Amino acid sequence: MLTCKEQVARSSDYLDGQLSFREKLMVRHHLMFCPNCRRFIRQMKLIQATLKAMPEKPQEGEDALAERLAEQRRKDRSS
């Protein structure tokens, strides 16, 4: 059976479907008995889904965003 450290090292490849059949079985076997690694895999899946849902480019340029935040901060201070 894999150790938790070995499981974590294979997690990305497991989620990306890049493991051999044997490796995939070893990972699944470990996950059956290790609640901590199951939780870790669930968190990794959530992170992947969140990253896929994010737009590739920011909606506005960094300079425009910084200026807008600075302007809001000035307004908040003057109130």
PDB file of N, CA and C in Angstrom:
ATOM      1  N   MET A   1       0.843  -1.180   0.000  1.00  0.00           N
ATOM      2  CA  MET A   1       0.000   0.000   0.000  1.00  0.00           C
ATOM      3  C   MET A   1       0.892   1.248   0.000  1.00  0.00           C
ATOM      4  N   LEU A   2       0.425   2.286  -0.652  1.00  0.00           N
ATOM      5  CA  LEU A   2       1.166   3.542  -0.705  1.00  0.00           C
ATOM      6  C   LEU A   2       1.153   4.235   0.644  1.00  0.00           C
ATOM      7  N   THR A   3       2.186   5.001   0.925  1.00  0.00           N
ATOM      8  CA  THR A   3       2.167   5.883   2.087  1.00  0.00           C
ATOM      9  C   THR A   3       1.439   7.166   1.688  1.00  0.00           C
ATOM     10  N   CYS A   4       1.061   7.945   2.659  1.00  0.00           N
ATOM     11  CA  CYS A   4       0.387   9.216   2.360  1.00  0.00           C
ATOM     12  C   CYS A   4       1.296  10.139   1.532  1.00  0.00           C
ATOM     13  N   LYS A   5       2.569  10.127   1.847  1.00  0.00           N
ATOM     14  CA  LYS A   5       3.530  10.953   1.108  1.00  0.00           C
ATOM     15  C   LYS A   5       3.589  10.527  -0.363  1.00  0.00           C
ATOM     16  N   GLU A   6       3.602   9.225  -0.620  1.00  0.00           N
ATOM     17  CA  GLU A   6       3.607   8.723  -1.997  1.00  0.00           C
ATOM     18  C   GLU A   6       2.289   9.058  -2.699  1.00  0.00           C
ATOM     19  N   GLN A   7       1.195   8.990  -1.934  1.00  0.00           N
ATOM     20  CA  GLN A   7      -0.124   9.322  -2.487  1.00  0.00           C
ATOM     21  C   GLN A   7      -0.163  10.784  -2.941  1.00  0.00           C
ATOM     22  N   VAL A   8       0.300  11.660  -2.083  1.00  0.00           N
ATOM     23  CA  VAL A   8       0.301  13.093  -2.410  1.00  0.00           C
ATOM     24  C   VAL A   8       1.167  13.354  -3.641  1.00  0.00           C
ATOM     25  N   ALA A   9       2.296  12.669  -3.738  1.00  0.00           N
ATOM     26  CA  ALA A   9       3.185  12.858  -4.889  1.00  0.00           C
ATOM     27  C   ALA A   9       2.507  12.440  -6.204  1.00  0.00           C
ATOM     28  N   ARG A  10       1.564  11.507  -6.146  1.00  0.00           N
ATOM     29  CA  ARG A  10       0.885  11.031  -7.350  1.00  0.00           C
ATOM     30  C   ARG A  10      -0.461  11.713  -7.596  1.00  0.00           C
ATOM     31  N   SER A  11      -0.887  12.573  -6.693  1.00  0.00           N
ATOM     32  CA  SER A  11      -2.235  13.142  -6.751  1.00  0.00           C
ATOM     33  C   SER A  11      -2.535  13.887  -8.048  1.00  0.00           C
ATOM     34  N   SER A  12      -1.639  14.735  -8.473  1.00  0.00           N
ATOM     35  CA  SER A  12      -1.887  15.501  -9.703  1.00  0.00           C
ATOM     36  C   SER A  12      -1.999  14.576 -10.910  1.00  0.00           C
ATOM     37  N   ASP A  13      -1.097  13.630 -11.006  1.00  0.00           N
ATOM     38  CA  ASP A  13      -1.158  12.684 -12.122  1.00  0.00           C
ATOM     39  C   ASP A  13      -2.428  11.848 -12.056  1.00  0.00           C
ATOM     40  N   TYR A  14      -2.846  11.482 -10.853  1.00  0.00           N
ATOM     41  CA  TYR A  14      -4.082  10.710 -10.679  1.00  0.00           C
ATOM     42  C   TYR A  14      -5.280  11.512 -11.181  1.00  0.00           C
ATOM     43  N   LEU A  15      -5.373  12.764 -10.766  1.00  0.00           N
ATOM     44  CA  LEU A  15      -6.506  13.602 -11.167  1.00  0.00           C
ATOM     45  C   LEU A  15      -6.485  13.925 -12.656  1.00  0.00           C
ATOM     46  N   ASP A  16      -5.307  13.972 -13.242  1.00  0.00           N
ATOM     47  CA  ASP A  16      -5.182  14.258 -14.673  1.00  0.00           C
ATOM     48  C   ASP A  16      -5.293  12.999 -15.528  1.00  0.00           C
ATOM     49  N   GLY A  17      -5.455  11.837 -14.885  1.00  0.00           N
ATOM     50  CA  GLY A  17      -5.585  10.585 -15.623  1.00  0.00           C
ATOM     51  C   GLY A  17      -4.300  10.138 -16.287  1.00  0.00           C
ATOM     52  N   GLN A  18      -3.163  10.425 -15.673  1.00  0.00           N
ATOM     53  CA  GLN A  18      -1.875  10.122 -16.277  1.00  0.00           C
ATOM     54  C   GLN A  18      -1.144   8.955 -15.614  1.00  0.00           C
ATOM     55  N   LEU A  19      -1.837   8.206 -14.775  1.00  0.00           N
ATOM     56  CA  LEU A  19      -1.201   7.068 -14.123  1.00  0.00           C
ATOM     57  C   LEU A  19      -1.462   5.792 -14.915  1.00  0.00           C
ATOM     58  N   SER A  20      -0.554   4.849 -14.767  1.00  0.00           N
ATOM     59  CA  SER A  20      -0.770   3.532 -15.364  1.00  0.00           C
ATOM     60  C   SER A  20      -1.903   2.842 -14.597  1.00  0.00           C
ATOM     61  N   PHE A  21      -2.406   1.776 -15.151  1.00  0.00           N
ATOM     62  CA  PHE A  21      -3.486   1.034 -14.513  1.00  0.00           C
ATOM     63  C   PHE A  21      -3.072   0.574 -13.118  1.00  0.00           C
ATOM     64  N   ARG A  22      -1.871   0.045 -12.996  1.00  0.00           N
ATOM     65  CA  ARG A  22      -1.365  -0.445 -11.710  1.00  0.00           C
ATOM     66  C   ARG A  22      -1.262   0.687 -10.689  1.00  0.00           C
ATOM     67  N   GLU A  23      -0.715   1.827 -11.117  1.00  0.00           N
ATOM     68  CA  GLU A  23      -0.581   2.968 -10.215  1.00  0.00           C
ATOM     69  C   GLU A  23      -1.950   3.487  -9.771  1.00  0.00           C
ATOM     70  N   LYS A  24      -2.879   3.524 -10.710  1.00  0.00           N
ATOM     71  CA  LYS A  24      -4.231   3.980 -10.393  1.00  0.00           C
ATOM     72  C   LYS A  24      -4.876   3.066  -9.345  1.00  0.00           C
ATOM     73  N   LEU A  25      -4.678   1.760  -9.468  1.00  0.00           N
ATOM     74  CA  LEU A  25      -5.208   0.814  -8.481  1.00  0.00           C
ATOM     75  C   LEU A  25      -4.581   1.030  -7.110  1.00  0.00           C
ATOM     76  N   MET A  26      -3.274   1.290  -7.093  1.00  0.00           N
ATOM     77  CA  MET A  26      -2.597   1.534  -5.819  1.00  0.00           C
ATOM     78  C   MET A  26      -3.144   2.794  -5.143  1.00  0.00           C
ATOM     79  N   VAL A  27      -3.379   3.836  -5.934  1.00  0.00           N
ATOM     80  CA  VAL A  27      -3.915   5.083  -5.393  1.00  0.00           C
ATOM     81  C   VAL A  27      -5.322   4.839  -4.849  1.00  0.00           C
ATOM     82  N   ARG A  28      -6.159   4.178  -5.623  1.00  0.00           N
ATOM     83  CA  ARG A  28      -7.532   3.908  -5.176  1.00  0.00           C
ATOM     84  C   ARG A  28      -7.560   3.039  -3.926  1.00  0.00           C
ATOM     85  N   HIS A  29      -6.672   2.084  -3.850  1.00  0.00           N
ATOM     86  CA  HIS A  29      -6.587   1.231  -2.674  1.00  0.00           C
ATOM     87  C   HIS A  29      -6.238   2.078  -1.446  1.00  0.00           C
ATOM     88  N   HIS A  30      -5.274   2.958  -1.588  1.00  0.00           N
ATOM     89  CA  HIS A  30      -4.889   3.837  -0.480  1.00  0.00           C
ATOM     90  C   HIS A  30      -6.063   4.723  -0.075  1.00  0.00           C
ATOM     91  N   LEU A  31      -6.767   5.284  -1.057  1.00  0.00           N
ATOM     92  CA  LEU A  31      -7.885   6.183  -0.759  1.00  0.00           C
ATOM     93  C   LEU A  31      -9.019   5.471  -0.030  1.00  0.00           C
ATOM     94  N   MET A  32      -9.182   4.186  -0.273  1.00  0.00           N
ATOM     95  CA  MET A  32     -10.226   3.423   0.414  1.00  0.00           C
ATOM     96  C   MET A  32     -10.006   3.423   1.931  1.00  0.00           C
ATOM     97  N   PHE A  33      -8.745   3.440   2.353  1.00  0.00           N
ATOM     98  CA  PHE A  33      -8.427   3.293   3.765  1.00  0.00           C
ATOM     99  C   PHE A  33      -7.931   4.564   4.447  1.00  0.00           C
ATOM    100  N   CYS A  34      -7.750   5.633   3.693  1.00  0.00           N
ATOM    101  CA  CYS A  34      -7.161   6.844   4.279  1.00  0.00           C
ATOM    102  C   CYS A  34      -8.086   8.053   4.117  1.00  0.00           C
ATOM    103  N   PRO A  35      -8.816   8.408   5.164  1.00  0.00           N
ATOM    104  CA  PRO A  35      -9.730   9.551   5.068  1.00  0.00           C
ATOM    105  C   PRO A  35      -9.004  10.881   4.827  1.00  0.00           C
ATOM    106  N   ASN A  36      -7.800  11.020   5.348  1.00  0.00           N
ATOM    107  CA  ASN A  36      -7.054  12.272   5.144  1.00  0.00           C
ATOM    108  C   ASN A  36      -6.699  12.469   3.670  1.00  0.00           C
ATOM    109  N   CYS A  37      -6.282  11.408   3.008  1.00  0.00           N
ATOM    110  CA  CYS A  37      -5.940  11.520   1.591  1.00  0.00           C
ATOM    111  C   CYS A  37      -7.197  11.698   0.736  1.00  0.00           C
ATOM    112  N   ARG A  38      -8.309  11.083   1.147  1.00  0.00           N
ATOM    113  CA  ARG A  38      -9.568  11.314   0.425  1.00  0.00           C
ATOM    114  C   ARG A  38      -9.948  12.786   0.504  1.00  0.00           C
ATOM    115  N   ARG A  39      -9.797  13.374   1.684  1.00  0.00           N
ATOM    116  CA  ARG A  39     -10.099  14.796   1.856  1.00  0.00           C
ATOM    117  C   ARG A  39      -9.161  15.643   0.992  1.00  0.00           C
ATOM    118  N   PHE A  40      -7.884  15.268   0.963  1.00  0.00           N
ATOM    119  CA  PHE A  40      -6.908  15.988   0.144  1.00  0.00           C
ATOM    120  C   PHE A  40      -7.293  15.941  -1.336  1.00  0.00           C
ATOM    121  N   ILE A  41      -7.700  14.766  -1.823  1.00  0.00           N
ATOM    122  CA  ILE A  41      -8.102  14.621  -3.229  1.00  0.00           C
ATOM    123  C   ILE A  41      -9.350  15.462  -3.511  1.00  0.00           C
ATOM    124  N   ARG A  42     -10.301  15.471  -2.586  1.00  0.00           N
ATOM    125  CA  ARG A  42     -11.496  16.305  -2.770  1.00  0.00           C
ATOM    126  C   ARG A  42     -11.111  17.777  -2.871  1.00  0.00           C
ATOM    127  N   GLN A  43     -10.193  18.213  -2.035  1.00  0.00           N
ATOM    128  CA  GLN A  43      -9.730  19.605  -2.076  1.00  0.00           C
ATOM    129  C   GLN A  43      -9.025  19.906  -3.397  1.00  0.00           C
ATOM    130  N   MET A  44      -8.212  18.964  -3.856  1.00  0.00           N
ATOM    131  CA  MET A  44      -7.522  19.143  -5.142  1.00  0.00           C
ATOM    132  C   MET A  44      -8.525  19.253  -6.287  1.00  0.00           C
ATOM    133  N   LYS A  45      -9.570  18.431  -6.261  1.00  0.00           N
ATOM    134  CA  LYS A  45     -10.604  18.496  -7.297  1.00  0.00           C
ATOM    135  C   LYS A  45     -11.310  19.844  -7.270  1.00  0.00           C
ATOM    136  N   LEU A  46     -11.586  20.350  -6.082  1.00  0.00           N
ATOM    137  CA  LEU A  46     -12.229  21.656  -5.949  1.00  0.00           C
ATOM    138  C   LEU A  46     -11.335  22.762  -6.493  1.00  0.00           C
ATOM    139  N   ILE A  47     -10.060  22.691  -6.201  1.00  0.00           N
ATOM    140  CA  ILE A  47      -9.111  23.688  -6.710  1.00  0.00           C
ATOM    141  C   ILE A  47      -9.057  23.640  -8.231  1.00  0.00           C
ATOM    142  N   GLN A  48      -8.992  22.425  -8.800  1.00  0.00           N
ATOM    143  CA  GLN A  48      -8.968  22.293 -10.259  1.00  0.00           C
ATOM    144  C   GLN A  48     -10.227  22.888 -10.880  1.00  0.00           C
ATOM    145  N   ALA A  49     -11.380  22.587 -10.307  1.00  0.00           N
ATOM    146  CA  ALA A  49     -12.643  23.096 -10.848  1.00  0.00           C
ATOM    147  C   ALA A  49     -12.700  24.620 -10.756  1.00  0.00           C
ATOM    148  N   THR A  50     -12.201  25.163  -9.656  1.00  0.00           N
ATOM    149  CA  THR A  50     -12.187  26.613  -9.482  1.00  0.00           C
ATOM    150  C   THR A  50     -11.269  27.273 -10.506  1.00  0.00           C
ATOM    151  N   LEU A  51     -10.105  26.710 -10.698  1.00  0.00           N
ATOM    152  CA  LEU A  51      -9.161  27.278 -11.668  1.00  0.00           C
ATOM    153  C   LEU A  51      -9.701  27.199 -13.091  1.00  0.00           C
ATOM    154  N   LYS A  52     -10.381  26.104 -13.424  1.00  0.00           N
ATOM    155  CA  LYS A  52     -10.959  25.977 -14.760  1.00  0.00           C
ATOM    156  C   LYS A  52     -12.074  26.988 -14.989  1.00  0.00           C
ATOM    157  N   ALA A  53     -12.789  27.343 -13.922  1.00  0.00           N
ATOM    158  CA  ALA A  53     -13.905  28.282 -14.036  1.00  0.00           C
ATOM    159  C   ALA A  53     -13.453  29.736 -14.123  1.00  0.00           C
ATOM    160  N   MET A  54     -12.217  29.996 -13.753  1.00  0.00           N
ATOM    161  CA  MET A  54     -11.715  31.375 -13.775  1.00  0.00           C
ATOM    162  C   MET A  54     -11.397  31.807 -15.202  1.00  0.00           C
ATOM    163  N   PRO A  55     -11.639  33.079 -15.507  1.00  0.00           N
ATOM    164  CA  PRO A  55     -11.251  33.574 -16.827  1.00  0.00           C
ATOM    165  C   PRO A  55      -9.734  33.580 -16.958  1.00  0.00           C
ATOM    166  N   GLU A  56      -9.273  33.418 -18.190  1.00  0.00           N
ATOM    167  CA  GLU A  56      -7.823  33.379 -18.399  1.00  0.00           C
ATOM    168  C   GLU A  56      -7.178  34.741 -18.198  1.00  0.00           C
ATOM    169  N   LYS A  57      -7.853  35.787 -18.611  1.00  0.00           N
ATOM    170  CA  LYS A  57      -7.313  37.131 -18.461  1.00  0.00           C
ATOM    171  C   LYS A  57      -8.158  37.899 -17.449  1.00  0.00           C
ATOM    172  N   PRO A  58      -7.517  38.776 -16.685  1.00  0.00           N
ATOM    173  CA  PRO A  58      -8.312  39.620 -15.790  1.00  0.00           C
ATOM    174  C   PRO A  58      -9.273  40.482 -16.614  1.00  0.00           C
ATOM    175  N   GLN A  59     -10.391  40.823 -16.030  1.00  0.00           N
ATOM    176  CA  GLN A  59     -11.396  41.614 -16.737  1.00  0.00           C
ATOM    177  C   GLN A  59     -10.898  43.024 -17.046  1.00  0.00           C
ATOM    178  N   GLU A  60     -10.027  43.528 -16.230  1.00  0.00           N
ATOM    179  CA  GLU A  60      -9.446  44.843 -16.500  1.00  0.00           C
ATOM    180  C   GLU A  60      -7.941  44.765 -16.254  1.00  0.00           C
ATOM    181  N   GLY A  61      -7.232  45.690 -16.829  1.00  0.00           N
ATOM    182  CA  GLY A  61      -5.785  45.702 -16.659  1.00  0.00           C
ATOM    183  C   GLY A  61      -5.386  45.959 -15.220  1.00  0.00           C
ATOM    184  N   GLU A  62      -4.202  45.547 -14.877  1.00  0.00           N
ATOM    185  CA  GLU A  62      -3.721  45.722 -13.502  1.00  0.00           C
ATOM    186  C   GLU A  62      -3.645  47.189 -13.119  1.00  0.00           C
ATOM    187  N   ASP A  63      -3.204  48.027 -14.039  1.00  0.00           N
ATOM    188  CA  ASP A  63      -3.091  49.455 -13.743  1.00  0.00           C
ATOM    189  C   ASP A  63      -4.462  50.068 -13.491  1.00  0.00           C
ATOM    190  N   ALA A  64      -5.443  49.699 -14.302  1.00  0.00           N
ATOM    191  CA  ALA A  64      -6.795  50.230 -14.130  1.00  0.00           C
ATOM    192  C   ALA A  64      -7.385  49.761 -12.804  1.00  0.00           C
ATOM    193  N   LEU A  65      -7.141  48.529 -12.450  1.00  0.00           N
ATOM    194  CA  LEU A  65      -7.636  48.000 -11.181  1.00  0.00           C
ATOM    195  C   LEU A  65      -6.983  48.721 -10.010  1.00  0.00           C
ATOM    196  N   ALA A  66      -5.676  48.911 -10.072  1.00  0.00           N
ATOM    197  CA  ALA A  66      -4.960  49.604  -9.003  1.00  0.00           C
ATOM    198  C   ALA A  66      -5.476  51.036  -8.855  1.00  0.00           C
ATOM    199  N   GLU A  67      -5.704  51.699  -9.960  1.00  0.00           N
ATOM    200  CA  GLU A  67      -6.223  53.074  -9.918  1.00  0.00           C
ATOM    201  C   GLU A  67      -7.624  53.111  -9.320  1.00  0.00           C
ATOM    202  N   ARG A  68      -8.461  52.168  -9.701  1.00  0.00           N
ATOM    203  CA  ARG A  68      -9.832  52.124  -9.190  1.00  0.00           C
ATOM    204  C   ARG A  68      -9.820  51.872  -7.679  1.00  0.00           C
ATOM    205  N   LEU A  69      -8.959  50.966  -7.218  1.00  0.00           N
ATOM    206  CA  LEU A  69      -8.871  50.693  -5.785  1.00  0.00           C
ATOM    207  C   LEU A  69      -8.329  51.898  -5.018  1.00  0.00           C
ATOM    208  N   ALA A  70      -7.341  52.582  -5.586  1.00  0.00           N
ATOM    209  CA  ALA A  70      -6.785  53.780  -4.946  1.00  0.00           C
ATOM    210  C   ALA A  70      -7.851  54.872  -4.858  1.00  0.00           C
ATOM    211  N   GLU A  71      -8.634  55.044  -5.906  1.00  0.00           N
ATOM    212  CA  GLU A  71      -9.707  56.041  -5.918  1.00  0.00           C
ATOM    213  C   GLU A  71     -10.756  55.715  -4.846  1.00  0.00           C
ATOM    214  N   GLN A  72     -11.120  54.457  -4.735  1.00  0.00           N
ATOM    215  CA  GLN A  72     -12.082  54.046  -3.708  1.00  0.00           C
ATOM    216  C   GLN A  72     -11.534  54.300  -2.307  1.00  0.00           C
ATOM    217  N   ARG A  73     -10.249  54.049  -2.139  1.00  0.00           N
ATOM    218  CA  ARG A  73      -9.623  54.274  -0.836  1.00  0.00           C
ATOM    219  C   ARG A  73      -9.620  55.763  -0.478  1.00  0.00           C
ATOM    220  N   ARG A  74      -9.341  56.613  -1.475  1.00  0.00           N
ATOM    221  CA  ARG A  74      -9.385  58.054  -1.243  1.00  0.00           C
ATOM    222  C   ARG A  74     -10.779  58.493  -0.848  1.00  0.00           C
ATOM    223  N   LYS A  75     -11.796  57.970  -1.527  1.00  0.00           N
ATOM    224  CA  LYS A  75     -13.194  58.318  -1.205  1.00  0.00           C
ATOM    225  C   LYS A  75     -13.546  57.868   0.205  1.00  0.00           C
ATOM    226  N   ASP A  76     -13.108  56.673   0.574  1.00  0.00           N
ATOM    227  CA  ASP A  76     -13.415  56.154   1.912  1.00  0.00           C
ATOM    228  C   ASP A  76     -12.766  56.986   2.995  1.00  0.00           C
ATOM    229  N   ARG A  77     -11.558  57.469   2.744  1.00  0.00           N
ATOM    230  CA  ARG A  77     -10.858  58.278   3.737  1.00  0.00           C
ATOM    231  C   ARG A  77     -11.496  59.658   3.912  1.00  0.00           C
ATOM    232  N   SER A  78     -12.009  60.210   2.816  1.00  0.00           N
ATOM    233  CA  SER A  78     -12.594  61.548   2.878  1.00  0.00           C
ATOM    234  C   SER A  78     -13.993  61.522   3.468  1.00  0.00           C
ATOM    235  N   SER A  79     -14.589  60.375   3.593  1.00  0.00           N
ATOM    236  CA  SER A  79     -15.956  60.285   4.150  1.00  0.00           C
ATOM    237  C   SER A  79     -15.977  60.322   5.634  1.00  0.00           C
TER     238      SER A  79
END
